Protein backbone atom coordinates (compact mmCIF):
# COMPACT_ATOMS: atom_id res chain seq x y z
CA MET A 1 19.76 154.49 75.36
CA THR A 2 19.80 152.22 78.36
CA THR A 3 22.62 152.55 80.90
CA ALA A 4 24.16 149.33 79.55
CA GLN A 5 24.13 150.73 76.01
CA VAL A 6 25.68 153.98 77.20
CA ARG A 7 28.46 152.06 78.95
CA LEU A 8 29.14 149.91 75.90
CA LYS A 9 29.26 152.88 73.53
CA ALA A 10 31.47 154.87 75.93
CA LEU A 11 33.86 151.92 76.25
CA PHE A 12 34.03 151.51 72.48
CA LEU A 13 34.78 155.22 71.93
CA LEU A 14 37.37 155.16 74.72
CA ILE A 15 39.25 152.25 73.12
CA LEU A 16 38.98 153.93 69.72
CA SER A 17 40.37 157.15 71.22
CA TYR A 18 43.39 155.33 72.67
CA ILE A 19 44.14 153.73 69.31
CA GLY A 20 43.45 156.83 67.21
CA LEU A 21 45.36 159.23 69.44
CA GLY A 22 48.27 156.84 69.74
CA ALA A 23 48.45 156.56 65.97
CA LEU A 24 48.34 160.35 65.50
CA ILE A 25 51.15 160.82 68.01
CA PHE A 26 53.54 157.97 67.22
CA LEU A 27 53.16 157.23 63.50
CA PRO A 28 54.51 160.66 62.43
CA ALA A 29 57.33 160.24 64.95
CA PHE A 30 58.06 156.80 63.46
CA THR A 31 59.18 155.61 66.87
CA LEU A 32 57.82 154.73 70.30
CA ASN A 33 60.89 156.35 71.87
CA PHE A 34 59.06 159.65 72.31
CA TRP A 35 58.57 160.40 75.99
CA GLN A 36 56.70 163.64 75.38
CA GLY A 37 54.24 161.72 73.23
CA TRP A 38 53.69 159.16 76.00
CA LEU A 39 53.27 161.97 78.52
CA ALA A 40 50.62 163.61 76.33
CA LEU A 41 48.80 160.32 75.73
CA VAL A 42 48.70 159.47 79.44
CA SER A 43 47.79 163.04 80.44
CA ILE A 44 44.89 163.14 77.97
CA MET A 45 43.50 159.62 78.16
CA GLY A 46 44.20 158.92 81.83
CA PRO A 47 41.93 161.68 83.19
CA ALA A 48 39.40 160.96 80.42
CA THR A 49 39.22 157.32 81.51
CA LEU A 50 38.87 158.16 85.21
CA ALA A 51 36.27 160.85 84.48
CA GLY A 52 34.36 158.43 82.26
CA ILE A 53 34.23 155.82 85.01
CA TYR A 54 33.16 158.45 87.53
CA PHE A 55 30.31 159.82 85.41
CA ILE A 56 29.12 156.38 84.28
CA ILE A 57 28.56 155.66 87.98
CA LYS A 58 27.42 159.08 89.18
CA ASP A 59 25.69 160.62 86.15
CA PRO A 60 25.05 158.25 83.20
CA LYS A 61 22.66 160.80 81.66
CA LEU A 62 25.57 163.23 81.28
CA VAL A 63 27.61 160.52 79.57
CA GLU A 64 24.72 159.87 77.19
CA ARG A 65 24.58 163.59 76.36
CA ARG A 66 28.34 163.70 75.83
CA LEU A 67 28.10 160.78 73.39
CA ARG A 68 25.86 162.75 71.04
CA MET A 69 27.98 163.98 68.15
CA LYS A 70 25.54 165.45 65.61
CA GLU A 71 25.17 169.23 65.83
CA LYS A 72 21.83 170.79 64.93
CA GLU A 73 23.05 174.37 64.46
CA SER A 74 24.65 175.09 61.08
CA VAL A 75 27.23 177.38 62.70
CA GLN A 76 28.26 174.59 65.06
CA LYS A 77 28.63 172.13 62.19
CA GLY A 78 31.17 174.49 60.64
CA VAL A 79 32.91 174.95 63.98
CA VAL A 80 33.24 171.19 64.43
CA ARG A 81 34.67 170.70 60.92
CA TRP A 82 37.33 173.36 61.41
CA ALA A 83 38.13 172.18 64.95
CA ILE A 84 38.74 168.63 63.70
CA ILE A 85 41.17 169.91 61.07
CA VAL A 86 43.01 172.06 63.62
CA PHE A 87 43.31 169.23 66.14
CA LEU A 88 44.48 166.66 63.59
CA ILE A 89 47.28 168.93 62.39
CA ALA A 90 48.21 169.88 65.96
CA PHE A 91 48.56 166.22 66.94
CA ILE A 92 50.52 165.20 63.83
CA ILE A 93 53.15 167.97 63.85
CA PRO A 94 54.77 167.07 67.23
CA GLY A 95 55.62 163.59 65.98
CA LEU A 96 57.24 165.04 62.88
CA ASP A 97 58.97 167.63 65.07
CA HIS A 98 60.40 164.86 67.25
CA ARG A 99 61.45 162.82 64.21
CA PHE A 100 63.32 165.64 62.50
CA GLY A 101 64.45 167.59 65.59
CA TRP A 102 62.84 170.93 64.84
CA SER A 103 62.29 171.96 68.48
CA ASN A 104 64.30 171.60 71.66
CA ILE A 105 62.05 172.34 74.64
CA PRO A 106 63.59 171.81 78.11
CA SER A 107 61.94 169.03 80.11
CA GLU A 108 61.10 171.49 82.92
CA ILE A 109 58.95 173.53 80.53
CA VAL A 110 57.30 170.36 79.20
CA ILE A 111 56.37 169.24 82.73
CA THR A 112 55.09 172.73 83.63
CA ALA A 113 52.89 172.74 80.54
CA ASP A 114 51.62 169.29 81.48
CA VAL A 115 50.60 170.54 84.93
CA LEU A 116 48.71 173.41 83.30
CA MET A 117 47.01 170.97 80.93
CA ILE A 118 45.86 168.86 83.87
CA ILE A 119 44.48 172.03 85.50
CA GLY A 120 42.51 172.64 82.31
CA TYR A 121 41.19 169.09 82.56
CA LEU A 122 40.14 169.67 86.18
CA ILE A 123 38.20 172.78 85.12
CA VAL A 124 36.35 170.72 82.52
CA PHE A 125 35.69 167.95 85.05
CA ARG A 126 34.39 170.36 87.65
CA THR A 127 32.12 171.97 85.06
CA LEU A 128 30.65 168.59 84.13
CA GLN A 129 30.13 167.79 87.80
CA THR A 130 28.17 171.01 88.21
CA ASN A 131 26.16 170.88 84.99
CA SER A 132 24.65 167.55 83.93
CA TYR A 133 23.29 169.25 80.80
CA ALA A 134 26.76 170.12 79.47
CA ALA A 135 26.29 168.12 76.27
CA ARG A 136 28.88 167.89 73.51
CA THR A 137 26.39 169.43 71.08
CA VAL A 138 24.80 172.87 71.37
CA GLU A 139 21.10 172.47 72.18
CA VAL A 140 18.52 173.09 74.90
CA GLU A 141 16.75 170.06 76.29
CA LYS A 142 13.23 169.94 77.61
CA GLU A 143 13.23 170.62 81.38
CA GLN A 144 16.90 171.73 81.22
CA LYS A 145 17.90 173.70 84.30
CA LEU A 146 19.93 176.90 84.33
CA ILE A 147 23.17 176.46 86.29
CA THR A 148 24.57 179.53 88.00
CA THR A 149 26.68 178.01 90.79
CA GLY A 150 30.32 176.96 91.00
CA LEU A 151 32.48 178.07 88.08
CA TYR A 152 29.34 179.30 86.32
CA GLY A 153 29.25 182.08 88.89
CA ILE A 154 32.59 183.34 87.53
CA VAL A 155 32.27 182.94 83.76
CA ARG A 156 29.42 181.76 81.56
CA HIS A 157 31.39 179.06 79.74
CA PRO A 158 33.91 177.56 82.17
CA MET A 159 34.28 174.31 80.22
CA TYR A 160 35.60 176.21 77.22
CA VAL A 161 38.14 177.90 79.48
CA GLY A 162 39.43 174.46 80.47
CA VAL A 163 39.47 173.28 76.86
CA ILE A 164 41.45 176.32 75.70
CA ILE A 165 44.03 175.81 78.48
CA MET A 166 44.34 172.12 77.59
CA TYR A 167 44.88 172.56 73.89
CA TYR A 168 47.17 175.58 74.02
CA THR A 169 49.51 173.78 76.42
CA LEU A 170 49.39 170.51 74.44
CA PRO A 171 52.09 171.42 71.86
CA ILE A 172 54.57 172.21 74.63
CA VAL A 173 53.69 168.98 76.46
CA MET A 174 54.46 167.15 73.20
CA GLY A 175 57.76 169.01 72.84
CA SER A 176 56.90 171.09 69.79
CA TYR A 177 56.91 174.83 69.29
CA TRP A 178 55.74 174.41 65.70
CA ALA A 179 52.52 172.68 66.73
CA ILE A 180 51.37 175.95 68.33
CA ILE A 181 50.84 177.46 64.86
CA PRO A 182 47.91 175.27 63.71
CA LEU A 183 46.24 175.85 67.08
CA LEU A 184 46.15 179.64 66.62
CA PRO A 185 42.68 179.47 64.96
CA LEU A 186 41.33 177.63 68.01
CA LEU A 187 40.54 180.82 69.92
CA PRO A 188 38.43 182.44 67.17
CA ILE A 189 36.74 179.06 66.63
CA MET A 190 35.83 178.92 70.32
CA VAL A 191 34.60 182.52 70.22
CA ILE A 192 32.28 181.70 67.31
CA ARG A 193 31.01 178.60 69.11
CA THR A 194 30.43 180.56 72.32
CA LEU A 195 28.50 183.38 70.64
CA ASN A 196 26.26 180.98 68.72
CA GLU A 197 25.68 178.86 71.83
CA GLU A 198 24.56 181.92 73.74
CA GLN A 199 22.03 182.72 71.01
CA VAL A 200 20.62 179.20 71.35
CA LEU A 201 20.49 179.42 75.15
CA LYS A 202 18.85 182.83 75.13
CA ARG A 203 16.15 181.50 72.81
CA GLY A 204 15.43 178.29 74.65
CA LEU A 205 16.67 178.31 78.26
CA PRO A 206 14.48 180.23 80.74
CA GLY A 207 16.45 182.74 82.82
CA TYR A 208 19.56 182.72 80.64
CA LYS A 209 19.21 186.35 79.55
CA GLU A 210 19.03 187.45 83.19
CA TYR A 211 21.99 185.21 84.02
CA CYS A 212 24.06 186.96 81.32
CA LYS A 213 23.37 190.30 83.02
CA LYS A 214 24.53 188.89 86.34
CA VAL A 215 27.62 187.04 85.08
CA LYS A 216 29.01 189.48 82.52
CA TYR A 217 32.03 187.59 81.23
CA ARG A 218 31.99 184.61 78.89
CA LEU A 219 35.52 183.21 79.19
CA ILE A 220 37.96 185.62 80.82
CA PRO A 221 36.89 187.62 83.90
CA GLY A 222 37.34 191.34 83.37
CA ILE A 223 38.04 190.97 79.64
CA TRP A 224 35.39 188.98 77.71
C-alpha cells in the first residue's frame, strides 16, 4: 500500500473503532450517563489516536504492518477467535453492570486502575517505537531485524506485557468486578500465542534462538 492508502485505511479503522467501542460500552448500559464508560473510551481511543498519528508520521511501514489482520498460523487463528469472544463479553458486561447496579467500585480505585491501564499503553507504545516489525499478525518478514534493545532486553515479548496490564485493569476502569471473569482466559490465550510466536521466530528469524538464551524470560522477569 502507498502511504496515502495506509493513512486512509488507518483513519477508517479508527473511526470504526470509536463507533464500535462506544456501542459496546453504552448500548448495554442503556444510557450515556456512565462516567466510567467515558473514562474507558477516552483512555483507550485517546492514546490509540495519538499513537496512530505519531506512527503515520514517523513509521508508516509499522502502521501498514499493524493493519494486517489475517493470521497465517493455524494456532494464531484460534487465538484470535477466542480473544475476540473474550473481549466482546468483557466490554459488554460493564454496561450491564452499570445498568443493574451489580458492582460498587470506589472512584479512587477506578482512577488507579486507569493509571495502570495507561502505563500498559505506554509499554505497548514504547515497544512499537523500538520494533518496527511488531506486526499484528505472527510472521517473519524478509530482511526482518532482530531487536534486543530497550524493553526487549528485559523480556522477550514486552508488548504482550502491556496488553495484559491494559485488559486486566479495564474492568475496574469501567466500574465492574464481574467483567473480570470473562477476561480470566486471556492469560492462557496470551501464553499460547507467545509460545507459538516463538516457534515461528526460531524458525525464521536469524539470531532469535541465541537471543532466547540471553533474555530468558518471556513476559515476567524471574518467573516466565
